[in-house]
Amino acid sequence: MKKSLVFLLLVVLIAAGAIEWTYAAFVAPGPAAKSGSTTDVVIKPGIGIKGVAQSLADAGVIERPEVFQIGVRVLGKAPQLKAGEYAIPSRASMQAIMTILIEGKSIPHKVTVAEGLTSRMVYDIVKADALLKGGAGAVPPEGSLLPETYLFQRGDTRAELIAKMHKAQTELLDKLWANRAAGLPIKTKAEALVLASIVEKETGIASERPHIASVFMNRLRIGMKLESDPTIIYGITKGYPIGRRLLASEVHGATPYNTYVIAGLPPHPICNPGKDSIAAVLNPLSTKDLYFVANGSGGHVFADNIDTQTKNVIKWRKIHLKGEK
């Protein structure tokens, strides 16, 4: 009987020692990062606690995967661990790593969609990103995506990201449309996007956009053709740079988009306009201007009559020719 008690006591002491050692190992600082201050670790979905522990060990952020499993199981946290891509700090303990995986704060990645890109261009950017997965679906309608920087996590789908861009554009347009100026010659959100896409391609200077928009609004009001060069280019290249001056035959060439030929707006946007261009169209400056021409330094000069416009054009051509010498 005495021997049995001694044996039982030894078992208890060994077990207590093992628990204490396991706990100490679980909360102790882990390995140092091989380079930098963090180590990137990808935890795939559906691999279970054993797979999570092995992934951490393979990445070199823990040394004893079995201890990580025991610690997480004892604490009842295994179901809370989330898949994702994580930046594990150098020397992080297993307990700290467990907390990081529970919080699910994956490393964010980003895709930047510049203003003025066509939907095909945006689609190709998303499709080419190796950190996304799955198909991208069909090319979205022109003008339906909001130019912005979008954060995503490794493993997010391409279709989800494109849907996010579309939702952002819809929500922005709804918000700005509700606060549009009275008496605009555009009657629908779709028309607003079309005109905003033209304004977007006419100038890269945000402060000019309300003025550019006012010129087009004034032209629409009196039934004057918009005569926007970017609409010619879209009809030729679908928005890709033409790389040369437009030919006279192209200026007068009939396409559904060429606003030197058609009256009013093209059938759909010629690019994805940014928030500044949409806002400019829905709240343009109040002017009488009907013309504008590049001033040779990135901006434009405006005129409310053809005589002043002609003088501005002659002046710009002199500046342009001088710059070519």
Protein backbone atom coordinates (compact mmCIF):
# COMPACT_ATOMS: atom_id res chain seq x y z
CA MET A 1 0.00 0.00 0.00
CA LYS A 2 2.83 2.34 0.94
CA LYS A 3 4.62 1.62 -2.34
CA SER A 4 1.41 2.38 -4.27
CA LEU A 5 1.07 5.74 -2.57
CA VAL A 6 4.68 6.58 -3.33
CA PHE A 7 4.20 5.60 -6.97
CA LEU A 8 1.02 7.67 -7.21
CA LEU A 9 2.79 10.64 -5.69
CA LEU A 10 5.62 10.29 -8.19
CA VAL A 11 3.11 10.19 -11.06
CA VAL A 12 1.42 13.35 -9.74
CA LEU A 13 4.75 15.11 -9.35
CA ILE A 14 5.85 14.12 -12.84
CA ALA A 15 2.53 15.23 -14.29
CA ALA A 16 2.71 18.53 -12.43
CA GLY A 17 6.24 19.02 -13.65
CA ALA A 18 5.22 18.26 -17.20
CA ILE A 19 2.35 20.76 -17.00
CA GLU A 20 4.61 23.40 -15.55
CA TRP A 21 7.25 22.76 -18.22
CA THR A 22 4.62 22.87 -21.00
CA TYR A 23 3.20 26.13 -19.68
CA ALA A 24 6.65 27.64 -19.37
CA ALA A 25 7.46 26.63 -22.95
CA PHE A 26 4.10 27.98 -24.16
CA VAL A 27 4.68 31.47 -22.74
CA ALA A 28 8.45 31.65 -23.27
CA PRO A 29 9.93 33.81 -26.07
CA GLY A 30 10.10 31.99 -29.38
CA PRO A 31 12.79 31.89 -32.07
CA ALA A 32 14.18 35.10 -33.53
CA ALA A 33 13.10 36.01 -37.06
CA LYS A 34 15.60 34.96 -39.72
CA SER A 35 15.55 38.48 -41.12
CA GLY A 36 13.82 41.68 -40.11
CA SER A 37 11.44 42.03 -37.20
CA THR A 38 8.70 39.66 -38.38
CA THR A 39 8.16 36.38 -40.22
CA ASP A 40 5.31 35.94 -42.69
CA VAL A 41 3.31 32.77 -42.10
CA VAL A 42 0.42 31.49 -44.20
CA ILE A 43 -2.21 29.44 -42.35
CA LYS A 44 -4.39 27.64 -44.86
CA PRO A 45 -8.06 27.04 -44.10
CA GLY A 46 -9.28 23.66 -42.90
CA ILE A 47 -5.92 22.25 -41.75
CA GLY A 48 -6.86 21.82 -38.08
CA ILE A 49 -4.78 22.56 -35.00
CA LYS A 50 -2.13 20.01 -35.95
CA GLY A 51 -1.72 21.60 -39.36
CA VAL A 52 -1.59 25.08 -37.84
CA ALA A 53 1.15 24.01 -35.40
CA GLN A 54 3.15 22.37 -38.19
CA SER A 55 2.82 25.47 -40.42
CA LEU A 56 4.17 27.62 -37.61
CA ALA A 57 7.05 25.21 -37.03
CA ASP A 58 7.85 25.02 -40.76
CA ALA A 59 8.01 28.84 -40.84
CA GLY A 60 10.42 28.77 -37.89
CA VAL A 61 8.31 30.81 -35.47
CA ILE A 62 7.88 27.94 -33.00
CA GLU A 63 10.17 25.04 -32.18
CA ARG A 64 7.79 22.55 -30.54
CA PRO A 65 4.51 22.17 -32.48
CA GLU A 66 3.25 19.59 -29.97
CA VAL A 67 3.52 22.14 -27.15
CA PHE A 68 1.56 24.68 -29.21
CA GLN A 69 -1.17 22.08 -29.79
CA ILE A 70 -1.39 21.17 -26.11
CA GLY A 71 -1.46 24.79 -24.96
CA VAL A 72 -4.16 25.82 -27.44
CA ARG A 73 -6.28 22.73 -26.68
CA VAL A 74 -6.03 23.13 -22.90
CA LEU A 75 -7.13 26.74 -23.20
CA GLY A 76 -10.02 25.72 -25.48
CA LYS A 77 -8.93 28.12 -28.21
CA ALA A 78 -8.45 25.74 -31.12
CA PRO A 79 -11.83 26.51 -32.78
CA GLN A 80 -11.02 30.24 -32.70
CA LEU A 81 -7.83 30.09 -34.75
CA LYS A 82 -8.33 31.74 -38.15
CA ALA A 83 -6.71 31.05 -41.50
CA GLY A 84 -4.80 33.87 -43.12
CA GLU A 85 -1.39 35.38 -43.72
CA TYR A 86 0.26 36.73 -40.58
CA ALA A 87 3.33 38.76 -39.69
CA ILE A 88 4.63 36.99 -36.57
CA PRO A 89 6.92 39.23 -34.48
CA SER A 90 10.43 38.02 -33.79
CA ARG A 91 10.68 36.09 -30.49
CA ALA A 92 6.89 35.92 -30.13
CA SER A 93 5.73 33.31 -27.61
CA MET A 94 3.32 30.55 -28.58
CA GLN A 95 0.71 32.25 -26.42
CA ALA A 96 1.21 35.52 -28.32
CA ILE A 97 1.01 33.70 -31.66
CA MET A 98 -2.22 32.01 -30.56
CA THR A 99 -3.69 35.45 -29.80
CA ILE A 100 -2.62 36.78 -33.22
CA LEU A 101 -4.34 33.86 -34.97
CA ILE A 102 -7.48 34.30 -32.86
CA GLU A 103 -7.70 38.01 -33.68
CA GLY A 104 -7.34 37.14 -37.36
CA LYS A 105 -5.45 40.29 -38.30
CA SER A 106 -3.98 39.04 -41.56
CA ILE A 107 -1.34 40.93 -43.52
CA PRO A 108 -3.17 43.37 -45.80
CA HIS A 109 -2.28 43.52 -49.49
CA LYS A 110 -3.47 46.18 -51.87
CA VAL A 111 -4.48 46.84 -55.44
CA THR A 112 -4.48 50.44 -56.64
CA VAL A 113 -6.90 51.39 -59.40
CA ALA A 114 -5.89 54.72 -60.92
CA GLU A 115 -8.51 57.19 -62.12
CA GLY A 116 -9.22 56.97 -65.82
CA LEU A 117 -8.46 53.28 -66.36
CA THR A 118 -10.96 51.33 -68.41
CA SER A 119 -12.77 48.36 -66.91
CA ARG A 120 -10.68 46.02 -69.08
CA MET A 121 -7.49 47.55 -67.66
CA VAL A 122 -8.74 47.15 -64.08
CA TYR A 123 -9.89 43.60 -64.84
CA ASP A 124 -6.43 42.70 -66.17
CA ILE A 125 -4.75 44.13 -63.04
CA VAL A 126 -6.97 42.06 -60.75
CA LYS A 127 -6.60 38.96 -62.89
CA ALA A 128 -2.80 39.20 -62.85
CA ASP A 129 -2.48 39.52 -59.04
CA ALA A 130 -1.00 36.23 -57.84
CA LEU A 131 -2.19 36.71 -54.25
CA LEU A 132 -5.84 36.54 -55.31
CA LYS A 133 -7.55 33.32 -56.30
CA GLY A 134 -10.41 32.20 -58.49
CA GLY A 135 -11.80 33.60 -61.69
CA ALA A 136 -12.60 37.27 -62.17
CA GLY A 137 -15.85 36.67 -64.04
CA ALA A 138 -16.83 38.81 -67.01
CA VAL A 139 -15.25 42.20 -67.67
CA PRO A 140 -17.38 44.70 -65.72
CA PRO A 141 -19.34 47.40 -67.55
CA GLU A 142 -17.34 50.51 -68.37
CA GLY A 143 -17.44 53.09 -65.60
CA SER A 144 -18.82 50.73 -62.96
CA LEU A 145 -15.66 50.47 -60.82
CA LEU A 146 -14.44 53.13 -58.39
CA PRO A 147 -10.77 54.06 -58.76
CA GLU A 148 -9.25 53.64 -55.31
CA THR A 149 -6.71 51.63 -53.34
CA TYR A 150 -8.32 48.39 -52.14
CA LEU A 151 -6.99 46.21 -49.34
CA PHE A 152 -7.38 42.45 -49.49
CA GLN A 153 -5.99 39.35 -47.86
CA ARG A 154 -4.07 36.56 -49.52
CA GLY A 155 -6.60 34.04 -50.76
CA ASP A 156 -9.45 36.50 -51.34
CA THR A 157 -11.10 35.91 -54.69
CA ARG A 158 -10.78 38.11 -57.75
CA ALA A 159 -14.54 38.16 -58.17
CA GLU A 160 -14.95 39.44 -54.59
CA LEU A 161 -12.50 42.28 -55.16
CA ILE A 162 -14.17 43.39 -58.39
CA ALA A 163 -17.55 43.24 -56.63
CA LYS A 164 -16.09 45.46 -53.89
CA MET A 165 -15.01 48.01 -56.50
CA HIS A 166 -18.46 47.97 -58.09
CA LYS A 167 -20.19 48.40 -54.74
CA ALA A 168 -17.93 51.34 -53.87
CA GLN A 169 -18.78 53.07 -57.16
CA THR A 170 -22.51 52.49 -56.70
CA GLU A 171 -22.49 53.81 -53.14
CA LEU A 172 -20.45 56.90 -54.05
CA LEU A 173 -22.66 57.72 -57.03
CA ASP A 174 -25.82 57.32 -54.94
CA LYS A 175 -24.43 59.66 -52.28
CA LEU A 176 -23.28 62.36 -54.71
CA TRP A 177 -26.41 62.09 -56.85
CA ALA A 178 -28.58 62.82 -53.82
CA ASN A 179 -26.73 66.13 -53.35
CA ARG A 180 -26.45 67.16 -57.01
CA ALA A 181 -26.99 70.72 -58.15
CA ALA A 182 -30.40 71.69 -59.47
CA GLY A 183 -31.09 72.18 -63.16
CA LEU A 184 -28.42 69.90 -64.60
CA PRO A 185 -28.91 68.81 -68.23
CA ILE A 186 -28.14 65.21 -67.27
CA LYS A 187 -31.14 63.28 -65.99
CA THR A 188 -29.81 59.94 -64.77
CA LYS A 189 -26.93 58.49 -62.78
CA ALA A 190 -25.84 56.65 -65.92
CA GLU A 191 -25.50 59.93 -67.80
CA ALA A 192 -23.56 61.41 -64.89
CA LEU A 193 -21.04 58.57 -65.11
CA VAL A 194 -20.65 59.01 -68.86
CA LEU A 195 -19.92 62.73 -68.55
CA ALA A 196 -17.69 62.19 -65.52
CA SER A 197 -15.60 59.73 -67.53
CA ILE A 198 -15.05 62.39 -70.21
CA VAL A 199 -14.11 65.01 -67.60
CA GLU A 200 -11.71 62.47 -66.07
CA LYS A 201 -9.85 62.01 -69.35
CA GLU A 202 -9.77 65.72 -70.20
CA THR A 203 -7.68 66.84 -67.23
CA GLY A 204 -5.47 65.36 -64.54
CA ILE A 205 -5.85 68.46 -62.36
CA ALA A 206 -8.59 67.89 -59.79
CA SER A 207 -9.22 71.61 -59.23
CA GLU A 208 -10.00 72.06 -62.96
CA ARG A 209 -12.64 69.38 -63.17
CA PRO A 210 -15.63 71.47 -62.01
CA HIS A 211 -14.70 74.06 -64.66
CA ILE A 212 -14.30 71.44 -67.40
CA ALA A 213 -17.65 69.98 -66.32
CA SER A 214 -19.31 73.39 -66.61
CA VAL A 215 -18.17 73.69 -70.25
CA PHE A 216 -19.74 70.37 -71.15
CA MET A 217 -22.91 71.19 -69.21
CA ASN A 218 -23.25 74.49 -71.09
CA ARG A 219 -22.78 72.69 -74.40
CA LEU A 220 -25.41 70.08 -73.53
CA ARG A 221 -27.88 72.80 -72.58
CA ILE A 222 -27.69 74.46 -75.99
CA GLY A 223 -27.37 71.27 -78.02
CA MET A 224 -23.74 71.87 -78.96
CA LYS A 225 -21.53 68.86 -79.62
CA LEU A 226 -19.09 68.06 -76.80
CA GLU A 227 -16.10 67.63 -79.15
CA SER A 228 -13.90 65.77 -76.67
CA ASP A 229 -10.71 64.18 -78.05
CA PRO A 230 -10.70 61.31 -75.52
CA THR A 231 -14.01 60.09 -76.97
CA ILE A 232 -12.33 59.78 -80.37
CA ILE A 233 -9.48 57.78 -78.88
CA TYR A 234 -11.87 55.44 -77.05
CA GLY A 235 -13.61 54.66 -80.32
CA ILE A 236 -10.26 53.72 -81.86
CA THR A 237 -8.36 51.93 -79.07
CA LYS A 238 -11.01 51.34 -76.36
CA GLY A 239 -9.12 53.69 -74.07
CA TYR A 240 -5.51 52.62 -74.59
CA PRO A 241 -3.09 55.48 -75.41
CA ILE A 242 -2.93 56.16 -79.12
CA GLY A 243 0.69 57.33 -78.93
CA ARG A 244 0.39 60.03 -81.58
CA ARG A 245 -1.69 62.99 -82.67
CA LEU A 246 -5.17 62.34 -83.94
CA LEU A 247 -5.61 62.35 -87.70
CA ALA A 248 -8.20 64.58 -89.34
CA SER A 249 -9.88 61.45 -90.67
CA GLU A 250 -10.18 60.15 -87.10
CA VAL A 251 -11.61 63.41 -85.80
CA HIS A 252 -14.37 63.17 -88.38
CA GLY A 253 -14.62 59.38 -88.32
CA ALA A 254 -17.98 58.02 -87.21
CA THR A 255 -17.92 55.86 -84.08
CA PRO A 256 -20.59 55.59 -81.37
CA TYR A 257 -18.24 57.49 -79.03
CA ASN A 258 -16.87 60.29 -81.20
CA THR A 259 -18.45 63.46 -79.78
CA TYR A 260 -17.20 65.46 -82.76
CA VAL A 261 -19.69 63.43 -84.80
CA ILE A 262 -22.49 62.37 -82.44
CA ALA A 263 -24.79 64.74 -80.58
CA GLY A 264 -24.94 64.51 -76.80
CA LEU A 265 -23.24 61.80 -74.77
CA PRO A 266 -21.60 58.54 -75.87
CA PRO A 267 -23.60 55.36 -75.16
CA HIS A 268 -21.55 54.53 -72.05
CA PRO A 269 -18.53 55.81 -70.08
CA ILE A 270 -15.11 55.84 -71.72
CA CYS A 271 -13.26 54.99 -68.48
CA ASN A 272 -13.81 54.61 -64.75
CA PRO A 273 -14.03 58.15 -63.36
CA GLY A 274 -12.77 58.98 -59.89
CA LYS A 275 -14.75 60.62 -57.11
CA ASP A 276 -13.50 64.12 -58.00
CA SER A 277 -14.75 63.85 -61.57
CA ILE A 278 -18.15 62.51 -60.52
CA ALA A 279 -18.46 65.26 -57.91
CA ALA A 280 -17.47 67.88 -60.50
CA VAL A 281 -20.18 66.75 -62.90
CA LEU A 282 -22.87 66.74 -60.23
CA ASN A 283 -21.79 70.12 -58.84
CA PRO A 284 -20.03 71.98 -61.66
CA LEU A 285 -18.92 75.60 -61.58
CA SER A 286 -21.45 78.14 -62.74
CA THR A 287 -19.89 79.66 -65.87
CA LYS A 288 -20.82 80.67 -69.42
CA ASP A 289 -17.74 79.03 -70.89
CA LEU A 290 -18.12 76.86 -73.96
CA TYR A 291 -14.48 76.21 -74.85
CA PHE A 292 -11.15 75.26 -73.33
CA VAL A 293 -7.69 74.49 -74.63
CA ALA A 294 -4.49 73.24 -73.06
CA ASN A 295 -2.24 76.05 -71.83
CA GLY A 296 1.01 74.20 -72.38
CA SER A 297 1.76 73.71 -68.69
CA GLY A 298 -0.67 70.95 -67.77
CA GLY A 299 -3.77 73.06 -67.31
CA HIS A 300 -6.33 74.75 -69.55
CA VAL A 301 -7.59 78.20 -70.44
CA PHE A 302 -11.31 78.78 -70.90
CA ALA A 303 -13.45 80.96 -73.13
CA ASP A 304 -17.12 81.79 -73.54
CA ASN A 305 -16.90 82.73 -77.21
CA ILE A 306 -15.20 81.43 -80.34
CA ASP A 307 -13.06 84.54 -80.92
CA THR A 308 -11.37 84.25 -77.52
CA GLN A 309 -11.00 80.51 -78.01
CA THR A 310 -9.31 81.05 -81.38
CA LYS A 311 -6.81 83.45 -79.80
CA ASN A 312 -6.12 80.94 -77.02
CA VAL A 313 -5.56 78.16 -79.54
CA ILE A 314 -3.12 80.27 -81.57
CA LYS A 315 -1.23 81.18 -78.41
CA TRP A 316 -1.08 77.53 -77.29
CA ARG A 317 0.17 76.38 -80.69
CA LYS A 318 3.02 78.90 -80.54
CA ILE A 319 3.99 77.62 -77.09
CA HIS A 320 3.72 74.01 -78.29
CA LEU A 321 5.82 74.60 -81.41
CA LYS A 322 8.43 76.45 -79.36
CA GLY A 323 8.64 73.47 -76.99
CA GLU A 324 9.24 71.09 -79.91
CA LYS A 325 12.29 73.03 -81.13
